[in-house]
Each structure stands twice: as structure tokens, then as C-alpha cells.
């Protein structure tokens, strides 16, 4: 079975680092590490999950009414962590 042929929820953390950034973010959502939806802190309307190149993760939450943006990490336990998956791969390879 190849990595991409099984459901994201069955991936182990060590397997996730082999995926592309979009799949990694989806795995974080599936595992509840980042929210599947977010309300705008300003207007409380549902925010849209968008691709954003200048973001550390390549994605962000954007309000459709207030033009407010939030990191996908905001409000999560990984909010203060500033490391991306490709940087961690060499560390996992040694395990």
C-alpha cells in the first residue's frame, strides 16, 4: 500500500512528513491539531481557508467580510512553533 492510497486519518506522524504541504495541513485537520473551520475574531463570520504563499505554512484563514487574515496555527497549541515539515524530516530519518 502506498502512502497516498490510504486515508489520511490512518497515517502515522512519521509518514506524514513524506506528503506535500497541502496533504500535511489536511492531516493536521483530520487529527484535530488545527481547526476544520474558524470564525473571524472581528465579525464572528465563518472564515475561508486559503492558500497564501507568504505564510509559513502556505495557508491561512481569511474573513470574507472584514478582510482579516489569521494563521492556520492561531489559537492552537502549535501557535508558537515556527518550524516547517521539511526541516523536521532529517531528524525523523535518524530515528
Protein backbone atom coordinates (compact mmCIF):
# COMPACT_ATOMS: atom_id res chain seq x y z
CA UNK A 1 0.00 0.00 0.00
CA UNK A 2 1.45 3.37 -0.97
CA UNK A 3 1.18 6.42 1.25
CA UNK A 4 -1.34 8.16 -0.99
CA UNK A 5 -3.63 5.13 -1.32
CA UNK A 6 -4.75 5.06 2.30
CA UNK A 7 -7.00 7.51 4.16
CA UNK A 8 -5.29 10.48 5.84
CA UNK A 9 -6.65 9.55 9.26
CA UNK A 10 -4.67 6.30 9.23
CA UNK A 11 -1.29 7.98 8.59
CA UNK A 12 1.34 7.88 11.30
CA UNK A 13 3.27 11.09 12.04
CA UNK A 14 6.45 9.69 10.50
CA UNK A 15 4.57 9.03 7.23
CA UNK A 16 3.02 12.49 7.08
CA UNK A 17 6.34 14.25 6.54
CA UNK A 18 6.62 12.50 3.16
CA UNK A 19 3.44 14.21 1.92
CA UNK A 20 3.07 17.55 0.16
CA UNK A 21 2.27 20.65 2.24
CA UNK A 22 -1.45 20.60 1.38
CA UNK A 23 -1.83 16.96 2.50
CA UNK A 24 0.10 17.66 5.71
CA UNK A 25 -2.29 20.50 6.55
CA UNK A 26 -5.29 18.27 5.83
CA UNK A 27 -3.83 15.57 8.11
CA UNK A 28 -3.49 18.16 10.88
CA UNK A 29 -7.19 19.00 10.40
CA UNK A 30 -8.21 15.31 10.42
CA UNK A 31 -6.26 14.75 13.65
CA UNK A 32 -7.75 17.87 15.28
CA UNK A 33 -4.38 19.64 15.58
CA UNK A 34 -5.72 22.63 13.66
CA UNK A 35 -9.41 23.55 13.32
CA UNK A 36 -11.50 22.45 10.35
CA UNK A 37 -13.29 25.81 10.46
CA UNK A 38 -12.70 29.17 12.11
CA UNK A 39 -14.83 32.21 12.96
CA UNK A 40 -13.45 35.68 12.33
CA UNK A 41 -12.32 37.23 15.63
CA UNK A 42 -13.66 40.59 14.44
CA UNK A 43 -17.10 39.84 12.93
CA UNK A 44 -17.66 36.19 14.02
CA UNK A 45 -18.50 35.12 10.45
CA UNK A 46 -17.01 31.90 9.03
CA UNK A 47 -13.55 32.37 7.60
CA UNK A 48 -12.35 30.80 4.34
CA UNK A 49 -9.28 28.55 4.26
CA UNK A 50 -6.99 29.87 1.51
CA UNK A 51 -3.60 29.18 0.01
CA UNK A 52 -1.23 32.02 0.92
CA UNK A 53 2.34 31.93 -0.35
CA UNK A 54 3.77 34.42 2.18
CA UNK A 55 2.53 32.33 5.11
CA UNK A 56 4.92 29.96 6.93
CA UNK A 57 2.57 27.06 6.20
CA UNK A 58 1.39 28.23 2.77
CA UNK A 59 -2.19 28.56 4.03
CA UNK A 60 -4.23 30.95 6.17
CA UNK A 61 -7.77 31.77 7.25
CA UNK A 62 -9.36 34.82 5.59
CA UNK A 63 -12.57 36.59 6.54
CA UNK A 64 -14.83 37.18 3.57
CA UNK A 65 -16.39 40.33 5.07
CA UNK A 66 -13.63 42.03 7.08
CA UNK A 67 -10.52 41.12 5.03
CA UNK A 68 -8.93 39.89 8.26
CA UNK A 69 -6.37 37.09 7.96
CA UNK A 70 -5.24 34.60 10.59
CA UNK A 71 -2.54 31.96 10.59
CA UNK A 72 -3.81 28.40 10.50
CA UNK A 73 -1.86 27.99 13.76
CA UNK A 74 -3.67 30.81 15.63
CA UNK A 75 -5.43 29.51 18.71
CA UNK A 76 -3.77 26.08 18.56
CA UNK A 77 -1.01 24.55 20.65
CA UNK A 78 1.34 24.89 17.65
CA UNK A 79 0.81 28.67 17.52
CA UNK A 80 4.28 29.40 18.94
CA UNK A 81 6.13 26.69 16.98
CA UNK A 82 7.95 28.09 13.96
CA UNK A 83 9.29 25.03 12.14
CA UNK A 84 8.01 23.53 8.93
CA UNK A 85 7.76 19.84 7.97
CA UNK A 86 10.71 19.70 5.55
CA UNK A 87 13.05 20.90 8.32
CA UNK A 88 11.95 18.09 10.64
CA UNK A 89 12.42 15.30 8.09
CA UNK A 90 16.18 14.81 8.66
CA UNK A 91 15.52 14.41 12.38
CA UNK A 92 12.91 11.66 11.75
CA UNK A 93 15.26 9.88 9.34
CA UNK A 94 17.68 9.28 12.22
CA UNK A 95 15.07 7.54 14.37
